[in-house]
Amino acid sequence: MEAFEIIGEIQGAETFAEGHGIRALARLMDDYGGKNWRKRKGFVYVRVLATGEIRRAEVHWYEAHGIGKVEMKVKKCL
Protein backbone atom coordinates (compact mmCIF):
# COMPACT_ATOMS: atom_id res chain seq x y z
CA MET A 1 0.00 0.00 0.00
CA GLU A 2 1.07 3.59 -0.59
CA ALA A 3 1.78 6.10 2.15
CA PHE A 4 -0.95 6.33 4.78
CA GLU A 5 -2.06 8.27 7.82
CA ILE A 6 -3.53 6.66 10.95
CA ILE A 7 -7.01 7.89 11.92
CA GLY A 8 -8.06 7.25 15.52
CA GLU A 9 -6.73 4.66 17.94
CA ILE A 10 -5.49 1.16 17.17
CA GLN A 11 -8.01 -1.46 18.32
CA GLY A 12 -7.34 -5.06 19.34
CA ALA A 13 -3.57 -4.64 19.57
CA GLU A 14 -1.73 -7.87 20.32
CA THR A 15 1.87 -9.05 20.46
CA PHE A 16 2.65 -11.97 18.17
CA ALA A 17 6.47 -12.10 18.42
CA GLU A 18 9.03 -10.86 20.93
CA GLY A 19 12.74 -11.02 21.61
CA HIS A 20 14.59 -13.60 19.54
CA GLY A 21 11.33 -14.55 17.79
CA ILE A 22 11.71 -11.35 15.72
CA ARG A 23 13.78 -11.92 12.57
CA ALA A 24 14.79 -8.25 12.38
CA LEU A 25 15.90 -8.01 16.03
CA ALA A 26 19.59 -7.25 15.33
CA ARG A 27 18.68 -4.55 12.79
CA LEU A 28 16.17 -2.95 15.17
CA MET A 29 18.74 -2.80 17.95
CA ASP A 30 21.35 -1.31 15.57
CA ASP A 31 18.95 1.28 14.12
CA TYR A 32 16.99 2.31 17.22
CA GLY A 33 18.70 0.80 20.28
CA GLY A 34 16.42 -0.33 23.05
CA LYS A 35 15.64 -3.72 24.52
CA ASN A 36 12.57 -5.94 24.85
CA TRP A 37 11.39 -5.54 21.25
CA ARG A 38 7.93 -6.81 20.32
CA LYS A 39 6.20 -7.22 16.97
CA ARG A 40 2.56 -6.20 17.29
CA LYS A 41 -0.58 -5.98 15.19
CA GLY A 42 -3.94 -4.26 15.45
CA PHE A 43 -6.79 -2.73 13.48
CA VAL A 44 -7.30 0.94 12.67
CA TYR A 45 -8.77 3.26 10.06
CA VAL A 46 -6.16 4.70 7.70
CA ARG A 47 -6.29 7.45 5.09
CA VAL A 48 -4.48 6.62 1.85
CA LEU A 49 -2.59 9.84 1.11
CA ALA A 50 -2.58 9.44 -2.68
CA THR A 51 -6.39 9.19 -2.98
CA GLY A 52 -7.76 10.44 0.34
CA GLU A 53 -9.69 7.16 0.69
CA ILE A 54 -10.39 5.96 4.24
CA ARG A 55 -10.15 2.20 4.86
CA ARG A 56 -10.10 -0.13 7.87
CA ALA A 57 -6.81 -2.02 7.87
CA GLU A 58 -4.68 -4.50 9.78
CA VAL A 59 -1.38 -2.83 10.67
CA HIS A 60 1.87 -4.32 11.98
CA TRP A 61 4.67 -2.51 13.80
CA TYR A 62 7.65 -3.00 16.11
CA GLU A 63 7.62 -1.54 19.61
CA ALA A 64 10.10 -1.28 22.49
CA HIS A 65 9.95 0.40 25.88
CA GLY A 66 11.34 3.93 25.64
CA ILE A 67 11.38 3.81 21.81
CA GLY A 68 7.69 3.54 20.94
CA LYS A 69 6.13 2.35 17.67
CA VAL A 70 8.42 2.13 14.62
CA GLU A 71 8.13 0.87 11.05
CA MET A 72 4.33 0.70 10.95
CA LYS A 73 2.92 -0.89 7.79
CA VAL A 74 -0.47 -1.89 6.44
CA LYS A 75 -0.66 -5.67 5.99
CA LYS A 76 -4.16 -5.81 4.53
CA CYS A 77 -7.23 -3.66 4.01
CA LEU A 78 -10.49 -5.03 5.33
PDB file of N, CA and C in Angstrom:
ATOM      1  N   MET A   1       0.843  -1.182   0.000  1.00  0.00           N
ATOM      2  CA  MET A   1       0.000   0.000   0.000  1.00  0.00           C
ATOM      3  C   MET A   1       0.885   1.241   0.000  1.00  0.00           C
ATOM      4  N   GLU A   2       0.362   2.314  -0.552  1.00  0.00           N
ATOM      5  CA  GLU A   2       1.068   3.591  -0.591  1.00  0.00           C
ATOM      6  C   GLU A   2       1.199   4.170   0.814  1.00  0.00           C
ATOM      7  N   ALA A   3       1.664   5.404   0.874  1.00  0.00           N
ATOM      8  CA  ALA A   3       1.783   6.105   2.150  1.00  0.00           C
ATOM      9  C   ALA A   3       0.395   6.271   2.770  1.00  0.00           C
ATOM     10  N   PHE A   4       0.332   6.247   4.090  1.00  0.00           N
ATOM     11  CA  PHE A   4      -0.953   6.326   4.779  1.00  0.00           C
ATOM     12  C   PHE A   4      -0.818   7.127   6.058  1.00  0.00           C
ATOM     13  N   GLU A   5      -1.982   7.535   6.574  1.00  0.00           N
ATOM     14  CA  GLU A   5      -2.064   8.274   7.823  1.00  0.00           C
ATOM     15  C   GLU A   5      -3.041   7.535   8.727  1.00  0.00           C
ATOM     16  N   ILE A   6      -2.675   7.334   9.981  1.00  0.00           N
ATOM     17  CA  ILE A   6      -3.533   6.661  10.953  1.00  0.00           C
ATOM     18  C   ILE A   6      -4.636   7.613  11.382  1.00  0.00           C
ATOM     19  N   ILE A   7      -5.869   7.100  11.440  1.00  0.00           N
ATOM     20  CA  ILE A   7      -7.007   7.891  11.917  1.00  0.00           C
ATOM     21  C   ILE A   7      -7.564   7.187  13.146  1.00  0.00           C
ATOM     22  N   GLY A   8      -7.525   7.828  14.284  1.00  0.00           N
ATOM     23  CA  GLY A   8      -8.061   7.245  15.516  1.00  0.00           C
ATOM     24  C   GLY A   8      -7.052   6.361  16.218  1.00  0.00           C
ATOM     25  N   GLU A   9      -7.572   5.532  17.123  1.00  0.00           N
ATOM     26  CA  GLU A   9      -6.727   4.660  17.938  1.00  0.00           C
ATOM     27  C   GLU A   9      -6.724   3.242  17.393  1.00  0.00           C
ATOM     28  N   ILE A  10      -5.614   2.564  17.588  1.00  0.00           N
ATOM     29  CA  ILE A  10      -5.489   1.162  17.165  1.00  0.00           C
ATOM     30  C   ILE A  10      -6.313   0.296  18.109  1.00  0.00           C
ATOM     31  N   GLN A  11      -7.132  -0.571  17.540  1.00  0.00           N
ATOM     32  CA  GLN A  11      -8.009  -1.457  18.317  1.00  0.00           C
ATOM     33  C   GLN A  11      -7.472  -2.897  18.265  1.00  0.00           C
ATOM     34  N   GLY A  12      -7.694  -3.638  19.318  1.00  0.00           N
ATOM     35  CA  GLY A  12      -7.342  -5.059  19.343  1.00  0.00           C
ATOM     36  C   GLY A  12      -5.858  -5.329  19.188  1.00  0.00           C
ATOM     37  N   ALA A  13      -5.014  -4.454  19.703  1.00  0.00           N
ATOM     38  CA  ALA A  13      -3.573  -4.639  19.571  1.00  0.00           C
ATOM     39  C   ALA A  13      -3.122  -5.884  20.325  1.00  0.00           C
ATOM     40  N   GLU A  14      -2.268  -6.671  19.679  1.00  0.00           N
ATOM     41  CA  GLU A  14      -1.729  -7.872  20.322  1.00  0.00           C
ATOM     42  C   GLU A  14      -0.298  -8.107  19.865  1.00  0.00           C
ATOM     43  N   THR A  15       0.486  -8.696  20.756  1.00  0.00           N
ATOM     44  CA  THR A  15       1.866  -9.052  20.461  1.00  0.00           C
ATOM     45  C   THR A  15       1.874 -10.447  19.870  1.00  0.00           C
ATOM     46  N   PHE A  16       2.577 -10.622  18.731  1.00  0.00           N
ATOM     47  CA  PHE A  16       2.653 -11.973  18.171  1.00  0.00           C
ATOM     48  C   PHE A  16       4.090 -12.464  18.016  1.00  0.00           C
ATOM     49  N   ALA A  17       5.074 -11.643  18.359  1.00  0.00           N
ATOM     50  CA  ALA A  17       6.473 -12.097  18.416  1.00  0.00           C
ATOM     51  C   ALA A  17       7.218 -11.160  19.353  1.00  0.00           C
ATOM     52  N   GLU A  18       8.204 -11.707  20.064  1.00  0.00           N
ATOM     53  CA  GLU A  18       9.029 -10.865  20.926  1.00  0.00           C
ATOM     54  C   GLU A  18      10.420 -11.451  21.067  1.00  0.00           C
ATOM     55  N   GLY A  19      11.358 -10.592  21.407  1.00  0.00           N
ATOM     56  CA  GLY A  19      12.735 -11.016  21.608  1.00  0.00           C
ATOM     57  C   GLY A  19      13.325 -11.712  20.393  1.00  0.00           C
ATOM     58  N   HIS A  20      13.913 -12.868  20.617  1.00  0.00           N
ATOM     59  CA  HIS A  20      14.590 -13.597  19.539  1.00  0.00           C
ATOM     60  C   HIS A  20      13.628 -14.190  18.515  1.00  0.00           C
ATOM     61  N   GLY A  21      12.332 -14.117  18.757  1.00  0.00           N
ATOM     62  CA  GLY A  21      11.335 -14.549  17.787  1.00  0.00           C
ATOM     63  C   GLY A  21      11.150 -13.550  16.646  1.00  0.00           C
ATOM     64  N   ILE A  22      11.789 -12.385  16.751  1.00  0.00           N
ATOM     65  CA  ILE A  22      11.707 -11.352  15.717  1.00  0.00           C
ATOM     66  C   ILE A  22      12.921 -11.497  14.805  1.00  0.00           C
ATOM     67  N   ARG A  23      12.674 -11.742  13.528  1.00  0.00           N
ATOM     68  CA  ARG A  23      13.777 -11.918  12.569  1.00  0.00           C
ATOM     69  C   ARG A  23      14.654 -10.679  12.446  1.00  0.00           C
ATOM     70  N   ALA A  24      14.065  -9.510  12.584  1.00  0.00           N
ATOM     71  CA  ALA A  24      14.792  -8.251  12.376  1.00  0.00           C
ATOM     72  C   ALA A  24      15.370  -7.692  13.682  1.00  0.00           C
ATOM     73  N   LEU A  25      15.494  -8.493  14.711  1.00  0.00           N
ATOM     74  CA  LEU A  25      15.905  -8.005  16.030  1.00  0.00           C
ATOM     75  C   LEU A  25      17.260  -7.290  15.996  1.00  0.00           C
ATOM     76  N   ALA A  26      18.253  -7.874  15.366  1.00  0.00           N
ATOM     77  CA  ALA A  26      19.588  -7.251  15.330  1.00  0.00           C
ATOM     78  C   ALA A  26      19.536  -5.896  14.625  1.00  0.00           C
ATOM     79  N   ARG A  27      18.796  -5.813  13.522  1.00  0.00           N
ATOM     80  CA  ARG A  27      18.680  -4.551  12.788  1.00  0.00           C
ATOM     81  C   ARG A  27      17.956  -3.497  13.624  1.00  0.00           C
ATOM     82  N   LEU A  28      16.895  -3.890  14.320  1.00  0.00           N
ATOM     83  CA  LEU A  28      16.166  -2.948  15.167  1.00  0.00           C
ATOM     84  C   LEU A  28      17.066  -2.387  16.258  1.00  0.00           C
ATOM     85  N   MET A  29      17.845  -3.249  16.882  1.00  0.00           N
ATOM     86  CA  MET A  29      18.742  -2.797  17.947  1.00  0.00           C
ATOM     87  C   MET A  29      19.831  -1.876  17.396  1.00  0.00           C
ATOM     88  N   ASP A  30      20.345  -2.176  16.188  1.00  0.00           N
ATOM     89  CA  ASP A  30      21.347  -1.310  15.568  1.00  0.00           C
ATOM     90  C   ASP A  30      20.760   0.045  15.195  1.00  0.00           C
ATOM     91  N   ASP A  31      19.554   0.038  14.611  1.00  0.00           N
ATOM     92  CA  ASP A  31      18.947   1.279  14.117  1.00  0.00           C
ATOM     93  C   ASP A  31      18.363   2.149  15.227  1.00  0.00           C
ATOM     94  N   TYR A  32      17.727   1.536  16.223  1.00  0.00           N
ATOM     95  CA  TYR A  32      16.988   2.308  17.223  1.00  0.00           C
ATOM     96  C   TYR A  32      17.492   2.131  18.648  1.00  0.00           C
ATOM     97  N   GLY A  33      18.295   1.107  18.904  1.00  0.00           N
ATOM     98  CA  GLY A  33      18.699   0.802  20.276  1.00  0.00           C
ATOM     99  C   GLY A  33      17.567   0.097  20.988  1.00  0.00           C
ATOM    100  N   GLY A  34      17.522   0.234  22.285  1.00  0.00           N
ATOM    101  CA  GLY A  34      16.421  -0.332  23.051  1.00  0.00           C
ATOM    102  C   GLY A  34      16.552  -1.823  23.296  1.00  0.00           C
ATOM    103  N   LYS A  35      15.704  -2.312  24.168  1.00  0.00           N
ATOM    104  CA  LYS A  35      15.641  -3.725  24.523  1.00  0.00           C
ATOM    105  C   LYS A  35      14.184  -4.136  24.532  1.00  0.00           C
ATOM    106  N   ASN A  36      13.932  -5.408  24.724  1.00  0.00           N
ATOM    107  CA  ASN A  36      12.568  -5.936  24.850  1.00  0.00           C
ATOM    108  C   ASN A  36      11.677  -5.571  23.666  1.00  0.00           C
ATOM    109  N   TRP A  37      12.168  -5.820  22.457  1.00  0.00           N
ATOM    110  CA  TRP A  37      11.392  -5.539  21.250  1.00  0.00           C
ATOM    111  C   TRP A  37      10.241  -6.507  21.104  1.00  0.00           C
ATOM    112  N   ARG A  38       9.116  -6.004  20.595  1.00  0.00           N
ATOM    113  CA  ARG A  38       7.934  -6.808  20.315  1.00  0.00           C
ATOM    114  C   ARG A  38       7.420  -6.468  18.923  1.00  0.00           C
ATOM    115  N   LYS A  39       6.887  -7.467  18.233  1.00  0.00           N
ATOM    116  CA  LYS A  39       6.199  -7.223  16.967  1.00  0.00           C
ATOM    117  C   LYS A  39       4.718  -7.328  17.273  1.00  0.00           C
ATOM    118  N   ARG A  40       3.960  -6.281  16.906  1.00  0.00           N
ATOM    119  CA  ARG A  40       2.557  -6.203  17.290  1.00  0.00           C
ATOM    120  C   ARG A  40       1.674  -5.979  16.074  1.00  0.00           C
ATOM    121  N   LYS A  41       0.388  -6.249  16.252  1.00  0.00           N
ATOM    122  CA  LYS A  41      -0.580  -5.982  15.195  1.00  0.00           C
ATOM    123  C   LYS A  41      -1.871  -5.494  15.812  1.00  0.00           C
ATOM    124  N   GLY A  42      -2.657  -4.775  15.004  1.00  0.00           N
ATOM    125  CA  GLY A  42      -3.937  -4.265  15.450  1.00  0.00           C
ATOM    126  C   GLY A  42      -4.723  -3.749  14.262  1.00  0.00           C
ATOM    127  N   PHE A  43      -5.901  -3.207  14.533  1.00  0.00           N
ATOM    128  CA  PHE A  43      -6.794  -2.732  13.480  1.00  0.00           C
ATOM    129  C   PHE A  43      -7.082  -1.253  13.689  1.00  0.00           C
ATOM    130  N   VAL A  44      -7.106  -0.508  12.583  1.00  0.00           N
ATOM    131  CA  VAL A  44      -7.297   0.936  12.668  1.00  0.00           C
ATOM    132  C   VAL A  44      -7.788   1.450  11.318  1.00  0.00           C
ATOM    133  N   TYR A  45      -8.412   2.615  11.322  1.00  0.00           N
ATOM    134  CA  TYR A  45      -8.765   3.261  10.064  1.00  0.00           C
ATOM    135  C   TYR A  45      -7.561   4.061   9.591  1.00  0.00           C
ATOM    136  N   VAL A  46      -7.281   3.969   8.296  1.00  0.00           N
ATOM    137  CA  VAL A  46      -6.164   4.697   7.696  1.00  0.00           C
ATOM    138  C   VAL A  46      -6.676   5.516   6.520  1.00  0.00           C
ATOM    139  N   ARG A  47      -6.010   6.649   6.262  1.00  0.00           N
ATOM    140  CA  ARG A  47      -6.294   7.454   5.086  1.00  0.00           C
ATOM    141  C   ARG A  47      -5.155   7.248   4.106  1.00  0.00           C
ATOM    142  N   VAL A  48      -5.478   6.779   2.907  1.00  0.00           N
ATOM    143  CA  VAL A  48      -4.478   6.616   1.850  1.00  0.00           C
ATOM    144  C   VAL A  48      -4.176   8.012   1.325  1.00  0.00           C
ATOM    145  N   LEU A  49      -2.932   8.456   1.444  1.00  0.00           N
ATOM    146  CA  LEU A  49      -2.591   9.837   1.113  1.00  0.00           C
ATOM    147  C   LEU A  49      -2.745  10.148  -0.373  1.00  0.00           C
ATOM    148  N   ALA A  50      -2.506   9.191  -1.242  1.00  0.00           N
ATOM    149  CA  ALA A  50      -2.583   9.443  -2.682  1.00  0.00           C
ATOM    150  C   ALA A  50      -4.014   9.733  -3.140  1.00  0.00           C
ATOM    151  N   THR A  51      -5.005   9.061  -2.517  1.00  0.00           N
ATOM    152  CA  THR A  51      -6.389   9.191  -2.981  1.00  0.00           C
ATOM    153  C   THR A  51      -7.313   9.845  -1.964  1.00  0.00           C
ATOM    154  N   GLY A  52      -6.905   9.914  -0.711  1.00  0.00           N
ATOM    155  CA  GLY A  52      -7.762  10.441   0.342  1.00  0.00           C
ATOM    156  C   GLY A  52      -8.785   9.435   0.847  1.00  0.00           C
ATOM    157  N   GLU A  53      -8.766   8.221   0.310  1.00  0.00           N
ATOM    158  CA  GLU A  53      -9.695   7.162   0.688  1.00  0.00           C
ATOM    159  C   GLU A  53      -9.434   6.714   2.126  1.00  0.00           C
ATOM    160  N   ILE A  54     -10.510   6.456   2.870  1.00  0.00           N
ATOM    161  CA  ILE A  54     -10.385   5.962   4.245  1.00  0.00           C
ATOM    162  C   ILE A  54     -10.799   4.498   4.272  1.00  0.00           C
ATOM    163  N   ARG A  55      -9.915   3.657   4.821  1.00  0.00           N
ATOM    164  CA  ARG A  55     -10.155   2.202   4.860  1.00  0.00           C
ATOM    165  C   ARG A  55      -9.805   1.673   6.239  1.00  0.00           C
ATOM    166  N   ARG A  56     -10.482   0.603   6.652  1.00  0.00           N
ATOM    167  CA  ARG A  56     -10.099  -0.126   7.874  1.00  0.00           C
ATOM    168  C   ARG A  56      -9.008  -1.107   7.461  1.00  0.00           C
ATOM    169  N   ALA A  57      -7.951  -1.204   8.262  1.00  0.00           N
ATOM    170  CA  ALA A  57      -6.813  -2.024   7.870  1.00  0.00           C
ATOM    171  C   ALA A  57      -6.192  -2.717   9.073  1.00  0.00           C
ATOM    172  N   GLU A  58      -5.520  -3.830   8.786  1.00  0.00           N
ATOM    173  CA  GLU A  58      -4.679  -4.497   9.777  1.00  0.00           C
ATOM    174  C   GLU A  58      -3.281  -3.913   9.617  1.00  0.00           C
ATOM    175  N   VAL A  59      -2.722  -3.416  10.711  1.00  0.00           N
ATOM    176  CA  VAL A  59      -1.381  -2.831  10.667  1.00  0.00           C
ATOM    177  C   VAL A  59      -0.445  -3.620  11.573  1.00  0.00           C
ATOM    178  N   HIS A  60       0.822  -3.677  11.189  1.00  0.00           N
ATOM    179  CA  HIS A  60       1.868  -4.324  11.983  1.00  0.00           C
ATOM    180  C   HIS A  60       2.946  -3.279  12.282  1.00  0.00           C
ATOM    181  N   TRP A  61       3.593  -3.415  13.437  1.00  0.00           N
ATOM    182  CA  TRP A  61       4.674  -2.512  13.799  1.00  0.00           C
ATOM    183  C   TRP A  61       5.566  -3.182  14.837  1.00  0.00           C
ATOM    184  N   TYR A  62       6.739  -2.573  15.049  1.00  0.00           N
ATOM    185  CA  TYR A  62       7.645  -3.004  16.112  1.00  0.00           C
ATOM    186  C   TYR A  62       7.547  -1.979  17.225  1.00  0.00           C
ATOM    187  N   GLU A  63       7.755  -2.436  18.470  1.00  0.00           N
ATOM    188  CA  GLU A  63       7.624  -1.542  19.607  1.00  0.00           C
ATOM    189  C   GLU A  63       8.596  -1.976  20.701  1.00  0.00           C
ATOM    190  N   ALA A  64       9.220  -0.999  21.353  1.00  0.00           N
ATOM    191  CA  ALA A  64      10.100  -1.278  22.487  1.00  0.00           C
ATOM    192  C   ALA A  64       9.896  -0.191  23.534  1.00  0.00           C
ATOM    193  N   HIS A  65      10.094  -0.544  24.784  1.00  0.00           N
ATOM    194  CA  HIS A  65       9.954   0.402  25.882  1.00  0.00           C
ATOM    195  C   HIS A  65      10.950   1.551  25.699  1.00  0.00           C
ATOM    196  N   GLY A  66      10.482   2.764  25.789  1.00  0.00           N
ATOM    197  CA  GLY A  66      11.339   3.933  25.638  1.00  0.00           C
ATOM    198  C   GLY A  66      11.563   4.357  24.193  1.00  0.00           C
ATOM    199  N   ILE A  67      11.211   3.510  23.237  1.00  0.00           N
ATOM    200  CA  ILE A  67      11.378   3.812  21.815  1.00  0.00           C
ATOM    201  C   ILE A  67      10.023   4.138  21.191  1.00  0.00           C
ATOM    202  N   GLY A  68       9.019   3.341  21.502  1.00  0.00           N
ATOM    203  CA  GLY A  68       7.689   3.539  20.943  1.00  0.00           C
ATOM    204  C   GLY A  68       7.478   2.717  19.684  1.00  0.00           C
ATOM    205  N   LYS A  69       6.473   3.080  18.894  1.00  0.00           N
ATOM    206  CA  LYS A  69       6.131   2.351  17.670  1.00  0.00           C
ATOM    207  C   LYS A  69       7.048   2.795  16.535  1.00  0.00           C
ATOM    208  N   VAL A  70       7.590   1.832  15.792  1.00  0.00           N
ATOM    209  CA  VAL A  70       8.424   2.132  14.623  1.00  0.00           C
ATOM    210  C   VAL A  70       8.052   1.200  13.479  1.00  0.00           C
ATOM    211  N   GLU A  71       8.297   1.660  12.273  1.00  0.00           N
ATOM    212  CA  GLU A  71       8.128   0.870  11.053  1.00  0.00           C
ATOM    213  C   GLU A  71       6.718   0.294  10.908  1.00  0.00           C
ATOM    214  N   MET A  72       5.720   1.145  11.092  1.00  0.00           N
ATOM    215  CA  MET A  72       4.331   0.700  10.955  1.00  0.00           C
ATOM    216  C   MET A  72       4.011   0.480   9.481  1.00  0.00           C
ATOM    217  N   LYS A  73       3.314  -0.617   9.177  1.00  0.00           N
ATOM    218  CA  LYS A  73       2.915  -0.887   7.795  1.00  0.00           C
ATOM    219  C   LYS A  73       1.552  -1.558   7.749  1.00  0.00           C
ATOM    220  N   VAL A  74       0.840  -1.289   6.665  1.00  0.00           N
ATOM    221  CA  VAL A  74      -0.471  -1.892   6.443  1.00  0.00           C
ATOM    222  C   VAL A  74      -0.241  -3.277   5.858  1.00  0.00           C
ATOM    223  N   LYS A  75      -0.783  -4.306   6.502  1.00  0.00           N
ATOM    224  CA  LYS A  75      -0.658  -5.668   5.990  1.00  0.00           C
ATOM    225  C   LYS A  75      -1.819  -6.024   5.077  1.00  0.00           C
ATOM    226  N   LYS A  76      -3.037  -5.580   5.433  1.00  0.00           N
ATOM    227  CA  LYS A  76      -4.162  -5.807   4.535  1.00  0.00           C
ATOM    228  C   LYS A  76      -5.300  -4.865   4.863  1.00  0.00           C
ATOM    229  N   CYS A  77      -6.034  -4.476   3.839  1.00  0.00           N
ATOM    230  CA  CYS A  77      -7.229  -3.657   4.013  1.00  0.00           C
ATOM    231  C   CYS A  77      -8.417  -4.579   4.172  1.00  0.00           C
ATOM    232  N   LEU A  78      -9.323  -4.200   5.034  1.00  0.00           N
ATOM    233  CA  LEU A  78     -10.487  -5.035   5.329  1.00  0.00           C
ATOM    234  C   LEU A  78     -11.737  -4.463   4.685  1.00  0.00           C
TER     235      LEU A  78
END
